[in-house]
């Protein structure tokens, strides 16, 4: 009787009997082991990057002083009490990201070259700390923002594409909304402030900004759900986040949230049109704006009216007083500024606002920002710093819009699957542009908007470089 596979096994046995056959078999086995080891390593690098991102976002959402809704003032100096926990927390987060950079060390040189514009702007920020009003405060805040850049680089290198980052961010937002709802329901007294609901955060505006970000992340993520149970869960998360946003009484965040919700369908329709239609719509929109302004000015001229009359009484909740003061201080050092992070919450003996009798410098109304991100960058890093920051911002805006347009018009299923995350990427910088008109978060440490825009910029630049390569 003959075995049915004898004719097949005989050549294999003869191959293994020869040295070249044994070497080929060993090479195949070694290649399989290497592939398994690499896959195992990639999985854990991805998980570590997701953990670093989730921990960083939760820390930025909550801060180092949960449930503390008022600034703690030092009676001896009149300045805010420094919280050392913040610095050590960032060091821990950097340590969590360090193994990723070590495991991705071969990709680091090219990544640093790709991020040269960001690094150059950081170099200018470091230079301004040399002549800062309070050099130690400037260096501490720059140190934290350098750590944020390191975390962004590690997280971006840990993931093959942005969809995994989107999943991590969405679940982080769900956790944060759950914590805030628990605080609102079961810790109502300590969650309320005089101005509105703050929940676990340090201010009601912080809660509003966090819920705005959670909506921005979770609404596109809802489109990735394939089951009814998944859609129901994320709709419940979004409903809870919107309820918290309304309860915070944060007018800026609520206005942006509602405006984006109404604007997004039109925005996506325009972005999905063909090149000729897209350009025509953009040209028509610009023409409509210019025409409206022209006819309004012409009407004011005919009727002898003041064109600025409708906005002369607008103070943006008295923010214009702060803006006038900041612009006045910037004029003393228009090019170099007063030093990165060296204008608010510095040594009380030299802090410019505390040397005046302005209402926002009084103990009962302490102000720690210009309530305009562009003015804060201008006064601290000068016209050079603001020009660099705006150049990067518009670079990231157009990069995100290009990625969204590619995903919306693609026929490849892999590119189509990136649409939800591309929507988030395109909307984030647009929202940040509007948010920083009345709040300061761009290139600001300990700011979730500042961290997310930096993460978006680093990831966009690295992905673009990979696509080109």
Protein backbone atom coordinates (compact mmCIF):
# COMPACT_ATOMS: atom_id res chain seq x y z
CA UNK A 1 0.00 0.00 0.00
CA UNK A 2 1.34 3.46 -0.88
CA UNK A 3 0.72 6.64 1.09
CA UNK A 4 -1.29 9.24 -0.85
CA UNK A 5 1.11 12.05 0.08
CA UNK A 6 4.32 10.13 -0.44
CA UNK A 7 5.00 11.92 -3.70
CA UNK A 8 4.62 15.28 -1.99
CA UNK A 9 6.56 14.53 1.18
CA UNK A 10 9.46 12.87 -0.58
CA UNK A 11 10.79 16.08 -2.18
CA UNK A 12 10.39 17.97 1.08
CA UNK A 13 12.30 15.32 3.01
CA UNK A 14 15.02 15.35 0.41
CA UNK A 15 15.18 19.17 0.55
CA UNK A 16 15.55 19.12 4.33
CA UNK A 17 18.29 16.56 4.04
CA UNK A 18 20.44 19.04 2.15
CA UNK A 19 22.16 22.00 3.88
CA UNK A 20 20.51 24.54 1.55
CA UNK A 21 17.09 23.05 2.27
CA UNK A 22 17.60 23.22 6.03
CA UNK A 23 18.83 26.82 5.72
CA UNK A 24 15.75 27.81 3.67
CA UNK A 25 13.41 26.19 6.22
CA UNK A 26 15.19 27.93 9.10
CA UNK A 27 14.98 31.25 7.25
CA UNK A 28 11.23 30.84 6.75
CA UNK A 29 10.73 29.97 10.40
CA UNK A 30 12.87 32.93 11.50
CA UNK A 31 10.91 35.28 9.22
CA UNK A 32 7.63 34.06 10.72
CA UNK A 33 8.95 34.60 14.24
CA UNK A 34 10.16 38.07 13.35
CA UNK A 35 6.77 38.94 11.85
CA UNK A 36 4.98 37.72 14.99
CA UNK A 37 7.39 39.68 17.20
CA UNK A 38 6.96 42.83 15.13
CA UNK A 39 3.18 42.49 15.20
CA UNK A 40 3.26 42.00 18.97
CA UNK A 41 5.52 45.05 19.34
CA UNK A 42 3.27 47.17 17.10
CA UNK A 43 0.20 46.25 19.13
CA UNK A 44 1.83 47.28 22.39
CA UNK A 45 3.29 50.47 20.95
CA UNK A 46 -0.20 51.38 19.75
CA UNK A 47 -1.70 50.59 23.15
CA UNK A 48 0.96 52.60 24.97
CA UNK A 49 0.38 55.55 22.62
CA UNK A 50 -3.37 55.33 23.22
CA UNK A 51 -2.80 55.24 26.98
CA UNK A 52 -0.51 58.28 26.81
CA UNK A 53 -3.10 60.19 24.77
CA UNK A 54 -5.99 59.27 27.08
CA UNK A 55 -4.03 60.16 30.23
CA UNK A 56 -2.93 63.50 28.76
CA UNK A 57 -6.44 64.46 27.63
CA UNK A 58 -8.00 63.51 30.97
CA UNK A 59 -5.40 65.56 32.81
CA UNK A 60 -5.99 68.55 30.54
CA UNK A 61 -9.75 68.16 30.90
CA UNK A 62 -9.70 67.96 34.71
CA UNK A 63 -6.57 69.92 35.62
CA UNK A 64 -4.48 69.77 38.78
CA UNK A 65 -7.13 71.35 41.03
CA UNK A 66 -10.46 69.53 40.57
CA UNK A 67 -13.51 71.21 42.11
CA UNK A 68 -11.47 74.35 42.93
CA UNK A 69 -13.47 77.06 41.15
CA UNK A 70 -11.67 80.14 42.44
CA UNK A 71 -8.06 81.21 42.21
CA UNK A 72 -6.04 80.73 45.39
CA UNK A 73 -4.30 84.05 46.13
CA UNK A 74 -1.13 84.33 48.21
CA UNK A 75 -1.84 86.94 50.91
CA UNK A 76 1.82 87.98 51.05
CA UNK A 77 2.38 88.60 47.35
CA UNK A 78 -1.09 89.10 45.94
CA UNK A 79 -0.33 86.55 43.21
CA UNK A 80 -1.73 83.12 42.54
CA UNK A 81 -0.37 80.18 44.48
CA UNK A 82 1.73 77.97 42.21
CA UNK A 83 0.67 74.33 42.04
CA UNK A 84 3.75 72.07 41.89
CA UNK A 85 1.57 69.05 41.09
CA UNK A 86 1.14 70.35 37.56
CA UNK A 87 4.84 70.19 36.72
CA UNK A 88 5.30 66.70 38.14
CA UNK A 89 2.20 65.47 36.33
CA UNK A 90 3.65 66.57 33.00
CA UNK A 91 6.94 64.85 33.80
CA UNK A 92 5.03 61.60 34.45
CA UNK A 93 3.17 61.97 31.15
CA UNK A 94 6.48 62.56 29.35
CA UNK A 95 7.92 59.42 30.99
CA UNK A 96 4.89 57.47 29.75
CA UNK A 97 5.64 58.61 26.19
CA UNK A 98 9.43 58.09 26.33
CA UNK A 99 9.38 54.31 25.54
CA UNK A 100 7.50 55.01 22.31
CA UNK A 101 10.20 57.42 21.13
CA UNK A 102 12.87 54.85 21.98
CA UNK A 103 11.09 52.09 20.05
CA UNK A 104 10.57 54.50 17.13
CA UNK A 105 14.08 55.96 17.31
CA UNK A 106 14.84 55.07 13.69
CA UNK A 107 11.99 57.28 12.51
CA UNK A 108 12.89 60.19 14.80
CA UNK A 109 15.50 61.99 12.62
CA UNK A 110 13.15 62.25 9.63
CA UNK A 111 10.25 63.22 11.92
CA UNK A 112 12.28 66.06 13.44
CA UNK A 113 13.20 67.31 9.95
CA UNK A 114 9.54 67.23 8.97
CA UNK A 115 8.61 69.22 12.08
CA UNK A 116 11.28 71.87 11.44
CA UNK A 117 8.75 74.78 11.21
CA UNK A 118 7.26 73.91 14.61
CA UNK A 119 10.70 73.45 16.16
CA UNK A 120 11.84 76.80 14.71
CA UNK A 121 8.88 78.56 16.36
CA UNK A 122 9.73 76.84 19.64
CA UNK A 123 13.25 78.18 19.21
CA UNK A 124 11.88 81.73 18.99
CA UNK A 125 9.76 81.14 22.09
CA UNK A 126 12.90 79.98 23.91
CA UNK A 127 14.77 83.08 22.75
CA UNK A 128 12.05 85.38 24.12
CA UNK A 129 12.45 83.79 27.56
CA UNK A 130 15.94 85.35 27.69
CA UNK A 131 14.46 88.86 28.00
CA UNK A 132 11.17 87.86 29.62
CA UNK A 133 9.70 89.95 32.44
CA UNK A 134 9.74 86.83 34.60
CA UNK A 135 12.31 84.42 33.07
CA UNK A 136 11.59 81.60 35.52
CA UNK A 137 7.83 81.66 34.77
CA UNK A 138 8.55 81.80 31.04
CA UNK A 139 10.91 78.83 31.20
CA UNK A 140 8.50 76.76 33.30
CA UNK A 141 5.65 77.30 30.85
CA UNK A 142 7.85 76.66 27.82
CA UNK A 143 9.09 73.45 29.49
CA UNK A 144 5.49 72.21 29.80
CA UNK A 145 4.74 73.03 26.17
CA UNK A 146 7.91 71.22 25.06
CA UNK A 147 6.64 68.17 26.94
CA UNK A 148 3.33 68.50 25.11
CA UNK A 149 5.21 68.49 21.79
CA UNK A 150 7.09 65.34 22.87
CA UNK A 151 3.81 63.63 23.76
CA UNK A 152 2.26 64.66 20.43
CA UNK A 153 5.25 63.27 18.53
CA UNK A 154 5.18 59.99 20.47
CA UNK A 155 1.43 59.53 20.06
CA UNK A 156 1.58 60.27 16.31
CA UNK A 157 4.44 57.80 15.80
CA UNK A 158 2.63 55.11 17.79
CA UNK A 159 -0.35 54.79 15.43
CA UNK A 160 -0.46 53.71 11.77
CA UNK A 161 -3.25 56.21 11.02
CA UNK A 162 -5.51 58.68 12.78
CA UNK A 163 -8.56 56.43 13.12
CA UNK A 164 -7.16 54.76 16.22
CA UNK A 165 -6.46 58.17 17.72
CA UNK A 166 -10.07 59.11 17.00
CA UNK A 167 -11.29 56.05 18.89
CA UNK A 168 -9.11 56.82 21.91
CA UNK A 169 -10.21 60.46 21.96
CA UNK A 170 -13.89 59.54 21.66
CA UNK A 171 -13.74 57.11 24.60
CA UNK A 172 -11.81 59.67 26.63
CA UNK A 173 -14.61 62.16 25.99
CA UNK A 174 -17.22 59.58 27.01
CA UNK A 175 -15.36 59.02 30.29
CA UNK A 176 -15.12 62.77 30.89
CA UNK A 177 -18.82 63.32 30.22
CA UNK A 178 -19.63 60.50 32.63
CA UNK A 179 -17.46 62.06 35.35
CA UNK A 180 -19.07 65.47 34.89
CA UNK A 181 -22.60 64.06 34.91
CA UNK A 182 -21.80 62.17 38.11
CA UNK A 183 -20.45 65.38 39.65
CA UNK A 184 -23.49 67.37 38.56
CA UNK A 185 -25.97 64.83 39.94
CA UNK A 186 -24.26 63.54 43.08
CA UNK A 187 -21.92 66.42 43.99
CA UNK A 188 -24.12 69.34 43.01
CA UNK A 189 -22.96 71.81 45.67
CA UNK A 190 -19.25 71.52 44.91
CA UNK A 191 -19.91 71.37 41.15
CA UNK A 192 -21.71 74.72 40.98
CA UNK A 193 -19.94 78.06 40.86
CA UNK A 194 -21.38 81.56 41.10
CA UNK A 195 -21.31 81.91 37.32
CA UNK A 196 -22.62 78.49 36.28
CA UNK A 197 -21.93 74.77 36.41
CA UNK A 198 -18.22 73.97 36.55
CA UNK A 199 -18.52 70.30 37.67
CA UNK A 200 -15.05 68.84 38.34
CA UNK A 201 -13.31 71.59 36.36
CA UNK A 202 -11.82 74.82 37.69
CA UNK A 203 -14.22 77.17 35.87
CA UNK A 204 -17.55 77.08 34.07
CA UNK A 205 -15.83 78.22 30.85
CA UNK A 206 -13.47 75.24 31.15
CA UNK A 207 -16.46 72.90 31.34
CA UNK A 208 -17.96 74.63 28.30
CA UNK A 209 -14.74 74.29 26.29
CA UNK A 210 -14.37 70.62 27.25
CA UNK A 211 -17.95 69.83 26.21
CA UNK A 212 -17.41 71.71 22.94
CA UNK A 213 -14.38 69.53 22.24
CA UNK A 214 -16.24 66.36 23.23
CA UNK A 215 -19.01 67.22 20.77
CA UNK A 216 -16.48 67.97 18.04
CA UNK A 217 -14.85 64.55 18.54
CA UNK A 218 -17.92 62.39 19.22
CA UNK A 219 -20.28 63.64 16.50
CA UNK A 220 -17.99 62.40 13.65
CA UNK A 221 -17.20 59.24 15.64
CA UNK A 222 -20.93 58.46 15.71
CA UNK A 223 -20.71 57.90 11.93
CA UNK A 224 -18.27 54.99 12.47
CA UNK A 225 -20.85 52.94 14.39
CA UNK A 226 -22.42 50.05 12.47
CA UNK A 227 -24.86 48.74 15.10
CA UNK A 228 -27.96 50.36 16.58
CA UNK A 229 -26.64 49.78 20.10
CA UNK A 230 -23.43 51.63 19.26
CA UNK A 231 -25.34 54.55 17.77
CA UNK A 232 -27.67 54.69 20.79
CA UNK A 233 -24.72 54.74 23.20
CA UNK A 234 -22.92 57.58 21.44
CA UNK A 235 -26.12 59.58 21.02
CA UNK A 236 -26.62 59.30 24.79
CA UNK A 237 -23.03 60.48 25.32
CA UNK A 238 -23.61 63.47 23.03
CA UNK A 239 -26.89 64.33 24.75
CA UNK A 240 -25.17 64.30 28.14
CA UNK A 241 -22.36 66.49 26.85
CA UNK A 242 -24.79 69.02 25.37
CA UNK A 243 -26.75 69.19 28.64
CA UNK A 244 -23.53 69.93 30.51
CA UNK A 245 -22.59 72.60 27.95
CA UNK A 246 -25.93 74.36 28.40
CA UNK A 247 -25.67 74.14 32.21
CA UNK A 248 -22.18 75.69 32.12
CA UNK A 249 -23.64 78.95 30.77
CA UNK A 250 -20.50 79.31 28.61
CA UNK A 251 -21.85 81.53 25.84
CA UNK A 252 -18.73 81.34 23.66
CA UNK A 253 -18.60 77.53 23.61
CA UNK A 254 -22.36 77.14 23.23
CA UNK A 255 -22.47 79.62 20.33
CA UNK A 256 -19.60 77.85 18.54
CA UNK A 257 -21.21 74.43 19.16
CA UNK A 258 -24.57 75.44 17.68
CA UNK A 259 -22.92 77.33 14.82
CA UNK A 260 -20.73 74.36 13.86
CA UNK A 261 -23.71 71.99 14.07
CA UNK A 262 -25.62 74.16 11.57
CA UNK A 263 -22.59 74.91 9.37
CA UNK A 264 -21.10 71.41 9.00
CA UNK A 265 -23.58 69.89 6.50
CA UNK A 266 -23.12 72.82 4.12
CA UNK A 267 -19.36 72.74 4.68
CA UNK A 268 -19.14 69.02 3.84
CA UNK A 269 -21.32 69.45 0.75
CA UNK A 270 -19.06 72.23 -0.54
CA UNK A 271 -15.89 70.22 0.18
CA UNK A 272 -17.24 67.19 -1.69
CA UNK A 273 -17.93 69.06 -4.95
CA UNK A 274 -15.67 68.85 -8.00
CA UNK A 275 -12.75 71.29 -8.40
CA UNK A 276 -14.63 73.66 -10.72
CA UNK A 277 -17.78 73.70 -8.56
CA UNK A 278 -15.68 74.09 -5.42
CA UNK A 279 -13.79 77.09 -6.78
CA UNK A 280 -17.00 78.66 -8.07
CA UNK A 281 -18.70 78.35 -4.69
CA UNK A 282 -15.70 79.83 -2.88
CA UNK A 283 -15.53 82.73 -5.35
CA UNK A 284 -19.28 83.32 -5.00
CA UNK A 285 -19.01 83.35 -1.20
CA UNK A 286 -16.15 85.83 -1.25
CA UNK A 287 -18.00 87.99 -3.77
CA UNK A 288 -21.13 87.95 -1.62
CA UNK A 289 -19.19 89.13 1.43
CA UNK A 290 -17.41 91.89 -0.50
CA UNK A 291 -20.66 93.01 -2.13
CA UNK A 292 -22.49 93.12 1.20
CA UNK A 293 -19.75 95.24 2.78
CA UNK A 294 -19.66 97.56 -0.24
CA UNK A 295 -23.43 98.19 -0.27
CA UNK A 296 -23.48 98.66 3.50
CA UNK A 297 -20.73 101.29 3.31
CA UNK A 298 -22.48 102.96 0.37
CA UNK A 299 -25.76 103.09 2.30
CA UNK A 300 -23.98 104.56 5.34
CA UNK A 301 -22.43 107.19 3.08
CA UNK A 302 -25.75 108.18 1.53
CA UNK A 303 -27.52 108.33 4.90
CA UNK A 304 -24.54 110.01 6.65
CA UNK A 305 -24.35 107.15 9.21
CA UNK A 306 -21.38 105.87 11.18
CA UNK A 307 -20.44 102.46 9.68
CA UNK A 308 -19.03 101.28 13.04
CA UNK A 309 -22.06 102.35 15.07
CA UNK A 310 -23.46 98.79 15.43
CA UNK A 311 -20.27 97.53 17.06
CA UNK A 312 -19.11 100.55 19.04
CA UNK A 313 -21.04 99.49 22.10
CA UNK A 314 -19.94 95.84 21.90
CA UNK A 315 -17.52 94.95 24.72
CA UNK A 316 -17.60 91.14 24.57
CA UNK A 317 -18.33 91.04 28.31
CA UNK A 318 -15.80 93.85 28.97
CA UNK A 319 -13.05 91.98 27.14
CA UNK A 320 -12.30 95.07 25.05
CA UNK A 321 -10.87 96.77 28.16
CA UNK A 322 -8.36 93.94 28.50
CA UNK A 323 -7.57 94.04 24.78
CA UNK A 324 -6.80 97.78 24.86
CA UNK A 325 -4.48 97.27 27.82
CA UNK A 326 -2.64 94.35 26.17
CA UNK A 327 -2.17 96.26 22.90
CA UNK A 328 -0.81 99.23 24.85
CA UNK A 329 1.78 97.01 26.55
CA UNK A 330 2.73 95.32 23.28
CA UNK A 331 3.59 98.68 21.69
CA UNK A 332 6.56 99.01 24.05
CA UNK A 333 8.17 95.87 22.52
CA UNK A 334 6.44 95.28 19.17
CA UNK A 335 8.89 92.81 17.64
CA UNK A 336 10.35 90.74 20.47
CA UNK A 337 7.48 90.80 22.98
CA UNK A 338 7.70 90.45 26.75
CA UNK A 339 8.67 86.79 26.83
CA UNK A 340 6.73 83.58 26.22
CA UNK A 341 4.22 83.04 29.04
CA UNK A 342 5.57 86.09 30.85
CA UNK A 343 2.64 88.48 31.07
CA UNK A 344 -0.07 86.95 33.28
CA UNK A 345 0.33 85.06 36.57
CA UNK A 346 3.96 86.06 37.04
CA UNK A 347 5.78 87.77 39.90
CA UNK A 348 3.18 90.26 41.28
CA UNK A 349 5.86 92.91 41.69
CA UNK A 350 6.40 93.08 37.92
CA UNK A 351 3.15 91.81 36.39
CA UNK A 352 1.99 94.69 34.16
CA UNK A 353 -1.72 94.47 34.96
CA UNK A 354 -1.10 94.58 38.72
CA UNK A 355 0.71 97.89 38.34
CA UNK A 356 -2.55 99.55 37.23
CA UNK A 357 -5.94 100.26 38.76
CA UNK A 358 -7.83 98.43 36.00
CA UNK A 359 -10.93 96.53 37.10
CA UNK A 360 -9.50 93.23 35.82
CA UNK A 361 -6.43 93.61 38.07
CA UNK A 362 -8.40 93.77 41.34
CA UNK A 363 -8.35 90.88 43.85
CA UNK A 364 -12.04 90.16 43.24
CA UNK A 365 -11.57 90.05 39.44
CA UNK A 366 -8.15 88.51 38.76
CA UNK A 367 -7.46 87.98 35.05
CA UNK A 368 -4.87 85.50 33.83
CA UNK A 369 -5.27 85.89 30.06
CA UNK A 370 -6.08 88.51 27.45
CA UNK A 371 -9.22 86.57 26.44
CA UNK A 372 -7.79 86.64 22.93
CA UNK A 373 -5.21 84.06 21.99
CA UNK A 374 -3.67 86.12 19.21
CA UNK A 375 -3.12 89.12 21.49
CA UNK A 376 -1.51 86.90 24.14
CA UNK A 377 0.93 85.52 21.57
CA UNK A 378 1.56 89.04 20.25
CA UNK A 379 2.32 90.64 23.61
CA UNK A 380 4.51 87.76 24.83
CA UNK A 381 6.42 86.76 21.67
CA UNK A 382 6.04 89.90 19.55
CA UNK A 383 5.07 90.30 15.91
CA UNK A 384 7.63 87.65 14.94
CA UNK A 385 6.06 85.06 17.21
CA UNK A 386 2.52 85.87 16.07
CA UNK A 387 3.52 85.70 12.40
CA UNK A 388 5.08 82.26 12.93
CA UNK A 389 2.10 81.00 14.91
CA UNK A 390 -0.39 82.19 12.28
CA UNK A 391 1.71 80.70 9.46
CA UNK A 392 1.61 77.30 11.17
CA UNK A 393 -2.09 77.61 11.91
CA UNK A 394 -3.00 78.30 8.28
CA UNK A 395 -0.63 75.55 7.13
CA UNK A 396 -2.54 73.10 9.31
CA UNK A 397 -5.93 74.50 8.25
CA UNK A 398 -5.20 73.93 4.56
CA UNK A 399 -3.58 70.55 5.27
CA UNK A 400 -6.67 69.39 7.17
CA UNK A 401 -9.00 70.68 4.44
CA UNK A 402 -6.97 68.86 1.79
CA UNK A 403 -7.15 65.61 3.79
CA UNK A 404 -10.92 66.02 4.20
CA UNK A 405 -11.43 66.71 0.52
CA UNK A 406 -9.37 63.65 -0.39
CA UNK A 407 -11.45 61.45 1.92
CA UNK A 408 -14.79 62.86 0.70
CA UNK A 409 -14.00 62.43 -3.01
CA UNK A 410 -12.13 59.10 -2.76
CA UNK A 411 -13.48 55.86 -4.21
CA UNK A 412 -11.01 53.70 -2.28
CA UNK A 413 -12.74 52.13 0.78
CA UNK A 414 -9.63 52.69 2.90
CA UNK A 415 -9.70 56.44 2.26
CA UNK A 416 -13.47 56.58 2.70
CA UNK A 417 -13.10 55.03 6.16
CA UNK A 418 -11.06 58.08 7.19
CA UNK A 419 -13.93 60.50 6.60
CA UNK A 420 -15.14 60.82 10.23
CA UNK A 421 -11.65 61.56 11.53
CA UNK A 422 -10.98 63.91 8.60
CA UNK A 423 -14.13 65.86 9.52
CA UNK A 424 -12.80 66.31 13.07
CA UNK A 425 -9.40 67.37 11.73
CA UNK A 426 -10.90 69.97 9.41
CA UNK A 427 -13.26 71.47 12.00
CA UNK A 428 -10.80 71.66 14.92
CA UNK A 429 -8.54 74.45 13.54
CA UNK A 430 -11.57 76.38 12.27
CA UNK A 431 -13.14 76.23 15.73
CA UNK A 432 -9.85 77.19 17.35
CA UNK A 433 -9.63 80.27 15.13
CA UNK A 434 -13.02 81.42 16.37
CA UNK A 435 -12.49 80.33 19.98
CA UNK A 436 -9.30 82.36 20.30
CA UNK A 437 -11.12 85.59 19.48
CA UNK A 438 -12.51 85.64 23.03
CA UNK A 439 -10.36 83.02 24.82
CA UNK A 440 -6.64 82.20 24.89
CA UNK A 441 -5.70 78.62 24.02
CA UNK A 442 -3.42 78.69 20.96
CA UNK A 443 0.19 77.83 21.87
CA UNK A 444 -0.77 77.91 25.53
CA UNK A 445 0.37 75.21 27.94
CA UNK A 446 -2.19 73.39 30.08
CA UNK A 447 -4.84 74.10 27.43
CA UNK A 448 -6.71 71.23 25.82
CA UNK A 449 -7.25 73.29 22.64
CA UNK A 450 -3.54 74.12 22.56
CA UNK A 451 -2.63 70.43 22.93
CA UNK A 452 -5.13 69.17 20.35
CA UNK A 453 -4.11 71.68 17.67
CA UNK A 454 -0.46 70.77 18.26
CA UNK A 455 -1.29 67.05 18.01
CA UNK A 456 -3.26 67.69 14.82
CA UNK A 457 -0.42 69.69 13.28
CA UNK A 458 2.25 67.12 14.15
CA UNK A 459 0.14 64.28 12.83
CA UNK A 460 -0.77 66.08 9.61
CA UNK A 461 2.86 66.91 8.87
CA UNK A 462 4.06 63.37 9.61
CA UNK A 463 1.28 61.73 7.56
CA UNK A 464 1.96 64.08 4.65
CA UNK A 465 5.61 63.18 4.75
CA UNK A 466 4.76 59.45 4.79
CA UNK A 467 2.46 59.89 1.78
CA UNK A 468 5.17 61.75 -0.13
CA UNK A 469 7.73 59.08 0.72
